[in-house]
Protein backbone atom coordinates (compact mmCIF):
# COMPACT_ATOMS: atom_id res chain seq x y z
CA MET A 1 18.46 185.35 110.35
CA SER A 2 20.38 183.65 113.64
CA ASN A 3 23.51 183.00 110.63
CA THR A 4 23.94 185.80 108.70
CA LEU A 5 23.93 187.78 112.43
CA ARG A 6 26.41 185.50 112.74
CA GLN A 7 28.28 186.61 109.92
CA ILE A 8 28.12 190.20 110.25
CA SER A 9 29.40 190.41 113.68
CA GLY A 10 32.11 187.87 112.92
CA SER A 11 33.43 190.87 109.87
CA ILE A 12 32.80 193.34 113.08
CA GLY A 13 35.20 191.64 115.42
CA THR A 14 37.70 190.99 112.63
CA SER A 15 37.89 194.65 111.45
CA LEU A 16 37.93 195.61 114.71
CA ILE A 17 40.52 193.90 116.05
CA THR A 18 42.87 193.70 112.46
CA THR A 19 41.81 197.80 113.77
CA ILE A 20 43.68 197.52 116.89
CA PHE A 21 46.49 195.15 115.85
CA THR A 22 47.34 198.60 112.59
CA ASN A 23 47.12 200.77 115.00
CA ARG A 24 49.02 199.73 117.73
CA SER A 25 51.67 198.46 115.28
CA SER A 26 51.71 201.78 114.29
CA ALA A 27 52.23 203.67 118.17
CA HIS A 28 54.84 200.79 118.70
CA PHE A 29 57.18 201.63 115.70
CA ALA A 30 56.80 205.33 116.12
CA GLN A 31 58.28 204.74 119.94
CA TYR A 32 60.96 202.86 118.79
CA THR A 33 62.25 205.69 115.35
CA ASP A 34 61.53 208.61 118.71
CA ARG A 35 64.29 206.20 120.72
CA MET A 36 66.91 206.22 117.86
CA ASP A 37 68.44 209.59 118.11
CA THR A 38 71.02 210.69 117.02
CA THR A 39 71.32 213.29 119.64
CA ASN A 40 71.32 210.62 122.20
CA PRO A 41 75.17 208.85 122.75
CA ALA A 42 74.15 205.67 124.26
CA PHE A 43 72.41 204.85 121.04
CA MET A 44 74.78 206.17 119.29
CA ASP A 45 77.74 204.64 120.56
CA SER A 46 75.50 201.20 119.67
CA PHE A 47 74.71 201.83 116.20
CA ASN A 48 78.34 202.74 115.60
CA GLN A 49 79.79 199.41 117.12
CA LEU A 50 76.91 197.85 115.06
CA VAL A 51 78.16 199.97 111.88
CA HIS A 52 82.03 198.53 112.48
CA ARG A 53 81.09 194.85 113.09
CA ILE A 54 78.84 195.43 109.88
CA ALA A 55 81.56 197.05 107.73
CA GLU A 56 84.24 194.45 109.06
CA SER A 57 82.00 191.01 108.64
CA ALA A 58 80.39 192.44 105.48
CA HIS A 59 84.22 194.14 104.03
CA LEU A 60 81.87 197.48 102.97
CA PRO A 61 83.12 201.29 103.43
CA LEU A 62 81.62 202.89 106.28
CA ALA A 63 78.76 204.69 104.42
CA SER A 64 78.16 201.63 103.21
CA ALA A 65 78.10 199.64 106.13
CA GLN A 66 75.75 202.57 107.98
CA ALA A 67 72.96 202.36 105.47
CA GLN A 68 73.38 199.15 105.97
CA ALA A 69 72.86 198.95 109.80
CA ALA A 70 69.92 201.55 109.44
CA SER A 71 67.81 199.14 107.50
CA VAL A 72 68.44 196.52 109.70
CA LEU A 73 67.25 198.55 112.41
CA ALA A 74 63.78 200.05 111.00
CA GLY A 75 63.32 196.60 109.78
CA GLN A 76 63.95 195.62 113.21
CA ALA A 77 61.47 198.01 114.69
CA GLN A 78 58.99 197.11 112.46
CA VAL A 79 59.60 193.16 113.76
CA ASP A 80 59.26 194.17 117.26
CA ALA A 81 56.47 197.21 116.40
CA THR A 82 54.21 193.99 114.63
CA VAL A 83 55.00 191.90 117.79
CA MET A 84 53.89 193.95 120.19
CA GLY A 85 51.02 195.23 117.95
CA ILE A 86 49.56 191.91 117.76
CA ASN A 87 50.18 190.74 121.65
CA ASP A 88 47.50 194.06 121.78
CA ALA A 89 44.82 192.79 119.47
CA PHE A 90 45.31 189.35 121.96
CA PHE A 91 44.65 191.32 125.16
CA TRP A 92 41.75 193.62 123.37
CA THR A 93 40.13 190.19 122.22
CA SER A 94 40.82 188.10 125.70
CA ILE A 95 38.95 191.40 127.10
CA ILE A 96 36.11 191.67 124.66
CA SER A 97 35.56 187.81 125.74
CA VAL A 98 36.04 187.80 128.92
CA VAL A 99 32.75 190.22 129.25
CA GLY A 100 30.59 188.15 125.92
CA LEU A 101 31.64 185.25 128.66
CA LEU A 102 30.02 186.88 131.77
CA LEU A 103 26.85 187.88 129.37
CA SER A 104 26.31 184.84 128.23
CA VAL A 105 25.86 184.01 132.14
CA PHE A 106 22.34 185.61 132.08
CA LEU A 107 21.44 184.49 129.03
CA ARG A 108 17.80 181.86 129.38
CA ASP A 109 17.11 179.09 127.97
CA VAL A 110 14.61 179.66 125.19
CA ARG A 111 13.60 176.11 125.23
CA LYS A 112 12.72 175.70 128.64
CA ASP A 113 10.61 179.07 128.07
CA LYS A 114 8.84 177.23 125.28
CA ASP A 115 7.51 173.93 127.60
CA THR A 116 6.75 176.23 131.03
CA ALA A 117 4.40 178.36 128.09
CA ILE A 118 2.86 175.34 126.49
CA SER A 119 1.74 174.84 130.38
CA VAL A 120 0.59 178.10 131.16
CA ARG A 121 -2.30 178.47 129.96
CA LYS A 122 -5.50 181.39 129.87
CA GLU A 123 -8.44 181.63 128.35
CA VAL A 124 -9.50 184.54 126.50
CA THR A 125 -12.75 184.46 125.02
CA GLY A 126 -13.22 181.43 124.58
CA THR A 127 -9.57 181.13 122.52
CA GLU A 128 -6.29 179.39 124.41
CA VAL A 129 -3.67 182.01 124.34
CA ILE A 130 -0.39 180.71 125.26
CA MET A 131 1.66 183.31 127.73
CA LEU A 132 4.76 182.95 129.27
CA PRO A 133 4.68 183.35 133.13
CA ALA A 134 5.80 186.58 134.75
CA ALA A 135 9.28 186.51 136.42
CA GLY A 136 9.19 184.71 139.30
CA GLN A 137 5.48 183.65 138.99
CA THR A 138 5.20 179.95 137.66
CA ARG A 139 1.96 178.64 137.82
CA GLN A 140 0.62 174.69 136.82
CA ILE A 141 -2.51 174.30 135.37
């Protein structure tokens, strides 16, 4: 039972982190492409410089260099968006881990409870029943 729950929890955690990664990568890519606006003079200046550098270095016509520059920018935007998506996924993973660590502080040690249960006994109608003590109440017989 414990192994099954562990496997299911791991699968749910993996799918949750993968979903966060995918959604955040898509959002970051959309932000990058929104910034690549042809009406922005600063972007167009840097884009034209890139086109001219590609045209000069590869000896291509401007139309081919422009297509290549757009491809390079799209690829770089995708790479940056993926890295930022991974960063977001690790950020949420660390938050979930800290919450789990804080919750684990409040777990009881079951082995100590078994030792206490053996030492605390109550007789009911001639049969011996092992009971756990109430919170804050321990007594030895």
